[in-house]
Amino acid sequence: MLSNIGVPGLILILTLALIIFGPKKLPEIGRAFGQTLKEFKKSTKELTEDVMQDIEEEKKNLTK
């Protein structure tokens, strides 16, 4: 979905965001977005590790 935006579209989006939110709010919004993305990645990694651990436990139980 985002791969179809391209550079001109990205510039347009950033310009609109600058006009709508103003230059003082953009760093705050960017920081909040980055923090949200970081938490999402962390949660995804933890979920993946839990699933892999459960799979390993099931493999051990099947071999017994």
PDB file of N, CA and C in Angstrom:
ATOM      1  N   MET A   1       0.821  -1.180   0.000  1.00  0.00           N
ATOM      2  CA  MET A   1       0.000   0.000   0.000  1.00  0.00           C
ATOM      3  C   MET A   1       0.874   1.255   0.000  1.00  0.00           C
ATOM      4  N   LEU A   2       1.819   1.345   0.918  1.00  0.00           N
ATOM      5  CA  LEU A   2       2.664   2.523   1.004  1.00  0.00           C
ATOM      6  C   LEU A   2       3.717   2.568  -0.086  1.00  0.00           C
ATOM      7  N   SER A   3       3.983   1.450  -0.735  1.00  0.00           N
ATOM      8  CA  SER A   3       5.005   1.437  -1.772  1.00  0.00           C
ATOM      9  C   SER A   3       4.565   2.202  -3.020  1.00  0.00           C
ATOM     10  N   ASN A   4       3.279   2.488  -3.157  1.00  0.00           N
ATOM     11  CA  ASN A   4       2.774   3.200  -4.319  1.00  0.00           C
ATOM     12  C   ASN A   4       2.801   4.715  -4.153  1.00  0.00           C
ATOM     13  N   ILE A   5       3.192   5.217  -2.973  1.00  0.00           N
ATOM     14  CA  ILE A   5       3.147   6.656  -2.722  1.00  0.00           C
ATOM     15  C   ILE A   5       4.194   7.384  -3.542  1.00  0.00           C
ATOM     16  N   GLY A   6       5.425   6.989  -3.443  1.00  0.00           N
ATOM     17  CA  GLY A   6       6.496   7.652  -4.182  1.00  0.00           C
ATOM     18  C   GLY A   6       6.935   8.933  -3.492  1.00  0.00           C
ATOM     19  N   VAL A   7       7.971   9.532  -4.034  1.00  0.00           N
ATOM     20  CA  VAL A   7       8.551  10.743  -3.451  1.00  0.00           C
ATOM     21  C   VAL A   7       7.609  11.947  -3.543  1.00  0.00           C
ATOM     22  N   PRO A   8       6.988  12.200  -4.699  1.00  0.00           N
ATOM     23  CA  PRO A   8       6.086  13.364  -4.762  1.00  0.00           C
ATOM     24  C   PRO A   8       4.912  13.255  -3.783  1.00  0.00           C
ATOM     25  N   GLY A   9       4.363  12.072  -3.651  1.00  0.00           N
ATOM     26  CA  GLY A   9       3.262  11.862  -2.717  1.00  0.00           C
ATOM     27  C   GLY A   9       3.700  12.059  -1.277  1.00  0.00           C
ATOM     28  N   LEU A  10       4.898  11.590  -0.966  1.00  0.00           N
ATOM     29  CA  LEU A  10       5.436  11.753   0.383  1.00  0.00           C
ATOM     30  C   LEU A  10       5.662  13.221   0.706  1.00  0.00           C
ATOM     31  N   ILE A  11       6.177  13.975  -0.252  1.00  0.00           N
ATOM     32  CA  ILE A  11       6.384  15.414  -0.056  1.00  0.00           C
ATOM     33  C   ILE A  11       5.045  16.113   0.157  1.00  0.00           C
ATOM     34  N   LEU A  12       4.038  15.723  -0.598  1.00  0.00           N
ATOM     35  CA  LEU A  12       2.707  16.304  -0.440  1.00  0.00           C
ATOM     36  C   LEU A  12       2.139  16.014   0.947  1.00  0.00           C
ATOM     37  N   ILE A  13       2.278  14.792   1.398  1.00  0.00           N
ATOM     38  CA  ILE A  13       1.778  14.411   2.724  1.00  0.00           C
ATOM     39  C   ILE A  13       2.494  15.193   3.815  1.00  0.00           C
ATOM     40  N   LEU A  14       3.812  15.302   3.721  1.00  0.00           N
ATOM     41  CA  LEU A  14       4.574  16.050   4.720  1.00  0.00           C
ATOM     42  C   LEU A  14       4.206  17.529   4.710  1.00  0.00           C
ATOM     43  N   THR A  15       3.984  18.097   3.534  1.00  0.00           N
ATOM     44  CA  THR A  15       3.583  19.502   3.435  1.00  0.00           C
ATOM     45  C   THR A  15       2.216  19.716   4.075  1.00  0.00           C
ATOM     46  N   LEU A  16       1.271  18.828   3.790  1.00  0.00           N
ATOM     47  CA  LEU A  16      -0.052  18.941   4.406  1.00  0.00           C
ATOM     48  C   LEU A  16       0.022  18.798   5.915  1.00  0.00           C
ATOM     49  N   ALA A  17       0.843  17.872   6.393  1.00  0.00           N
ATOM     50  CA  ALA A  17       0.996  17.701   7.840  1.00  0.00           C
ATOM     51  C   ALA A  17       1.587  18.959   8.466  1.00  0.00           C
ATOM     52  N   LEU A  18       2.532  19.566   7.808  1.00  0.00           N
ATOM     53  CA  LEU A  18       3.141  20.798   8.307  1.00  0.00           C
ATOM     54  C   LEU A  18       2.107  21.925   8.370  1.00  0.00           C
ATOM     55  N   ILE A  19       1.278  22.021   7.359  1.00  0.00           N
ATOM     56  CA  ILE A  19       0.249  23.060   7.330  1.00  0.00           C
ATOM     57  C   ILE A  19      -0.807  22.804   8.405  1.00  0.00           C
ATOM     58  N   ILE A  20      -1.241  21.555   8.548  1.00  0.00           N
ATOM     59  CA  ILE A  20      -2.312  21.227   9.491  1.00  0.00           C
ATOM     60  C   ILE A  20      -1.839  21.326  10.936  1.00  0.00           C
ATOM     61  N   PHE A  21      -0.704  20.724  11.251  1.00  0.00           N
ATOM     62  CA  PHE A  21      -0.269  20.630  12.639  1.00  0.00           C
ATOM     63  C   PHE A  21       0.691  21.738  13.059  1.00  0.00           C
ATOM     64  N   GLY A  22       1.368  22.337  12.131  1.00  0.00           N
ATOM     65  CA  GLY A  22       2.323  23.389  12.457  1.00  0.00           C
ATOM     66  C   GLY A  22       3.686  22.814  12.782  1.00  0.00           C
ATOM     67  N   PRO A  23       4.707  23.657  12.712  1.00  0.00           N
ATOM     68  CA  PRO A  23       6.076  23.173  12.903  1.00  0.00           C
ATOM     69  C   PRO A  23       6.389  22.737  14.336  1.00  0.00           C
ATOM     70  N   LYS A  24       5.662  23.251  15.318  1.00  0.00           N
ATOM     71  CA  LYS A  24       5.952  22.885  16.714  1.00  0.00           C
ATOM     72  C   LYS A  24       5.385  21.523  17.077  1.00  0.00           C
ATOM     73  N   LYS A  25       4.289  21.126  16.454  1.00  0.00           N
ATOM     74  CA  LYS A  25       3.642  19.856  16.781  1.00  0.00           C
ATOM     75  C   LYS A  25       4.244  18.669  16.040  1.00  0.00           C
ATOM     76  N   LEU A  26       4.851  18.902  14.886  1.00  0.00           N
ATOM     77  CA  LEU A  26       5.370  17.787  14.080  1.00  0.00           C
ATOM     78  C   LEU A  26       6.401  16.933  14.822  1.00  0.00           C
ATOM     79  N   PRO A  27       7.375  17.515  15.544  1.00  0.00           N
ATOM     80  CA  PRO A  27       8.311  16.652  16.280  1.00  0.00           C
ATOM     81  C   PRO A  27       7.615  15.801  17.347  1.00  0.00           C
ATOM     82  N   GLU A  28       6.614  16.367  17.999  1.00  0.00           N
ATOM     83  CA  GLU A  28       5.875  15.610  19.003  1.00  0.00           C
ATOM     84  C   GLU A  28       5.118  14.446  18.366  1.00  0.00           C
ATOM     85  N   ILE A  29       4.496  14.719  17.248  1.00  0.00           N
ATOM     86  CA  ILE A  29       3.752  13.675  16.538  1.00  0.00           C
ATOM     87  C   ILE A  29       4.706  12.587  16.054  1.00  0.00           C
ATOM     88  N   GLY A  30       5.849  12.999  15.516  1.00  0.00           N
ATOM     89  CA  GLY A  30       6.847  12.033  15.056  1.00  0.00           C
ATOM     90  C   GLY A  30       7.367  11.178  16.191  1.00  0.00           C
ATOM     91  N   ARG A  31       7.627  11.794  17.330  1.00  0.00           N
ATOM     92  CA  ARG A  31       8.104  11.056  18.502  1.00  0.00           C
ATOM     93  C   ARG A  31       7.055  10.046  18.965  1.00  0.00           C
ATOM     94  N   ALA A  32       5.799  10.482  19.025  1.00  0.00           N
ATOM     95  CA  ALA A  32       4.721   9.591  19.452  1.00  0.00           C
ATOM     96  C   ALA A  32       4.562   8.432  18.471  1.00  0.00           C
ATOM     97  N   PHE A  33       4.665   8.726  17.185  1.00  0.00           N
ATOM     98  CA  PHE A  33       4.551   7.673  16.175  1.00  0.00           C
ATOM     99  C   PHE A  33       5.705   6.677  16.302  1.00  0.00           C
ATOM    100  N   GLY A  34       6.911   7.200  16.508  1.00  0.00           N
ATOM    101  CA  GLY A  34       8.077   6.329  16.683  1.00  0.00           C
ATOM    102  C   GLY A  34       7.953   5.450  17.910  1.00  0.00           C
ATOM    103  N   GLN A  35       7.468   6.016  19.004  1.00  0.00           N
ATOM    104  CA  GLN A  35       7.283   5.242  20.239  1.00  0.00           C
ATOM    105  C   GLN A  35       6.233   4.154  20.036  1.00  0.00           C
ATOM    106  N   THR A  36       5.164   4.493  19.342  1.00  0.00           N
ATOM    107  CA  THR A  36       4.115   3.510  19.062  1.00  0.00           C
ATOM    108  C   THR A  36       4.655   2.377  18.203  1.00  0.00           C
ATOM    109  N   LEU A  37       5.431   2.723  17.187  1.00  0.00           N
ATOM    110  CA  LEU A  37       6.025   1.709  16.316  1.00  0.00           C
ATOM    111  C   LEU A  37       6.988   0.822  17.094  1.00  0.00           C
ATOM    112  N   LYS A  38       7.767   1.413  17.979  1.00  0.00           N
ATOM    113  CA  LYS A  38       8.712   0.659  18.809  1.00  0.00           C
ATOM    114  C   LYS A  38       7.974  -0.325  19.717  1.00  0.00           C
ATOM    115  N   GLU A  39       6.893   0.125  20.348  1.00  0.00           N
ATOM    116  CA  GLU A  39       6.105  -0.760  21.209  1.00  0.00           C
ATOM    117  C   GLU A  39       5.461  -1.888  20.407  1.00  0.00           C
ATOM    118  N   PHE A  40       4.986  -1.572  19.202  1.00  0.00           N
ATOM    119  CA  PHE A  40       4.379  -2.585  18.346  1.00  0.00           C
ATOM    120  C   PHE A  40       5.393  -3.657  17.975  1.00  0.00           C
ATOM    121  N   LYS A  41       6.604  -3.231  17.593  1.00  0.00           N
ATOM    122  CA  LYS A  41       7.656  -4.183  17.254  1.00  0.00           C
ATOM    123  C   LYS A  41       8.015  -5.057  18.446  1.00  0.00           C
ATOM    124  N   LYS A  42       8.103  -4.442  19.624  1.00  0.00           N
ATOM    125  CA  LYS A  42       8.443  -5.181  20.836  1.00  0.00           C
ATOM    126  C   LYS A  42       7.363  -6.228  21.142  1.00  0.00           C
ATOM    127  N   SER A  43       6.106  -5.840  21.036  1.00  0.00           N
ATOM    128  CA  SER A  43       5.009  -6.772  21.290  1.00  0.00           C
ATOM    129  C   SER A  43       4.996  -7.910  20.286  1.00  0.00           C
ATOM    130  N   THR A  44       5.247  -7.583  19.032  1.00  0.00           N
ATOM    131  CA  THR A  44       5.291  -8.605  17.992  1.00  0.00           C
ATOM    132  C   THR A  44       6.420  -9.594  18.252  1.00  0.00           C
ATOM    133  N   LYS A  45       7.573  -9.083  18.647  1.00  0.00           N
ATOM    134  CA  LYS A  45       8.720  -9.947  18.933  1.00  0.00           C
ATOM    135  C   LYS A  45       8.424 -10.859  20.120  1.00  0.00           C
ATOM    136  N   GLU A  46       7.821 -10.309  21.174  1.00  0.00           N
ATOM    137  CA  GLU A  46       7.485 -11.118  22.344  1.00  0.00           C
ATOM    138  C   GLU A  46       6.474 -12.199  21.995  1.00  0.00           C
ATOM    139  N   LEU A  47       5.477 -11.853  21.190  1.00  0.00           N
ATOM    140  CA  LEU A  47       4.469 -12.823  20.780  1.00  0.00           C
ATOM    141  C   LEU A  47       5.106 -13.936  19.956  1.00  0.00           C
ATOM    142  N   THR A  48       5.990 -13.568  19.043  1.00  0.00           N
ATOM    143  CA  THR A  48       6.681 -14.562  18.221  1.00  0.00           C
ATOM    144  C   THR A  48       7.527 -15.492  19.081  1.00  0.00           C
ATOM    145  N   GLU A  49       8.220 -14.930  20.059  1.00  0.00           N
ATOM    146  CA  GLU A  49       9.047 -15.753  20.946  1.00  0.00           C
ATOM    147  C   GLU A  49       8.181 -16.714  21.755  1.00  0.00           C
ATOM    148  N   ASP A  50       7.017 -16.243  22.236  1.00  0.00           N
ATOM    149  CA  ASP A  50       6.117 -17.115  22.995  1.00  0.00           C
ATOM    150  C   ASP A  50       5.603 -18.266  22.136  1.00  0.00           C
ATOM    151  N   VAL A  51       5.240 -17.961  20.905  1.00  0.00           N
ATOM    152  CA  VAL A  51       4.730 -19.002  20.008  1.00  0.00           C
ATOM    153  C   VAL A  51       5.826 -20.016  19.701  1.00  0.00           C
ATOM    154  N   MET A  52       7.033 -19.531  19.438  1.00  0.00           N
ATOM    155  CA  MET A  52       8.147 -20.441  19.149  1.00  0.00           C
ATOM    156  C   MET A  52       8.461 -21.313  20.363  1.00  0.00           C
ATOM    157  N   GLN A  53       8.379 -20.735  21.545  1.00  0.00           N
ATOM    158  CA  GLN A  53       8.624 -21.508  22.765  1.00  0.00           C
ATOM    159  C   GLN A  53       7.562 -22.600  22.923  1.00  0.00           C
ATOM    160  N   ASP A  54       6.301 -22.268  22.656  1.00  0.00           N
ATOM    161  CA  ASP A  54       5.237 -23.265  22.738  1.00  0.00           C
ATOM    162  C   ASP A  54       5.437 -24.381  21.719  1.00  0.00           C
ATOM    163  N   ILE A  55       5.891 -24.030  20.533  1.00  0.00           N
ATOM    164  CA  ILE A  55       6.141 -25.036  19.497  1.00  0.00           C
ATOM    165  C   ILE A  55       7.258 -25.978  19.944  1.00  0.00           C
ATOM    166  N   GLU A  56       8.318 -25.419  20.501  1.00  0.00           N
ATOM    167  CA  GLU A  56       9.431 -26.243  20.987  1.00  0.00           C
ATOM    168  C   GLU A  56       8.967 -27.176  22.105  1.00  0.00           C
ATOM    169  N   GLU A  57       8.123 -26.680  23.005  1.00  0.00           N
ATOM    170  CA  GLU A  57       7.607 -27.525  24.090  1.00  0.00           C
ATOM    171  C   GLU A  57       6.760 -28.658  23.532  1.00  0.00           C
ATOM    172  N   GLU A  58       5.951 -28.365  22.520  1.00  0.00           N
ATOM    173  CA  GLU A  58       5.120 -29.397  21.908  1.00  0.00           C
ATOM    174  C   GLU A  58       5.979 -30.448  21.213  1.00  0.00           C
ATOM    175  N   LYS A  59       7.059 -30.020  20.575  1.00  0.00           N
ATOM    176  CA  LYS A  59       7.964 -30.974  19.923  1.00  0.00           C
ATOM    177  C   LYS A  59       8.596 -31.885  20.962  1.00  0.00           C
ATOM    178  N   LYS A  60       8.977 -31.336  22.102  1.00  0.00           N
ATOM    179  CA  LYS A  60       9.583 -32.139  23.173  1.00  0.00           C
ATOM    180  C   LYS A  60       8.579 -33.127  23.731  1.00  0.00           C
ATOM    181  N   ASN A  61       7.322 -32.694  23.883  1.00  0.00           N
ATOM    182  CA  ASN A  61       6.282 -33.581  24.402  1.00  0.00           C
ATOM    183  C   ASN A  61       5.970 -34.706  23.431  1.00  0.00           C
ATOM    184  N   LEU A  62       6.042 -34.445  22.146  1.00  0.00           N
ATOM    185  CA  LEU A  62       5.736 -35.475  21.152  1.00  0.00           C
ATOM    186  C   LEU A  62       6.834 -36.525  21.067  1.00  0.00           C
ATOM    187  N   THR A  63       8.079 -36.140  21.346  1.00  0.00           N
ATOM    188  CA  THR A  63       9.187 -37.089  21.250  1.00  0.00           C
ATOM    189  C   THR A  63       9.309 -37.958  22.484  1.00  0.00           C
ATOM    190  N   LYS A  64       8.612 -37.614  23.546  1.00  0.00           N
ATOM    191  CA  LYS A  64       8.697 -38.409  24.782  1.00  0.00           C
ATOM    192  C   LYS A  64       7.849 -39.634  24.729  1.00  0.00           C
TER     193      LYS A  64
END
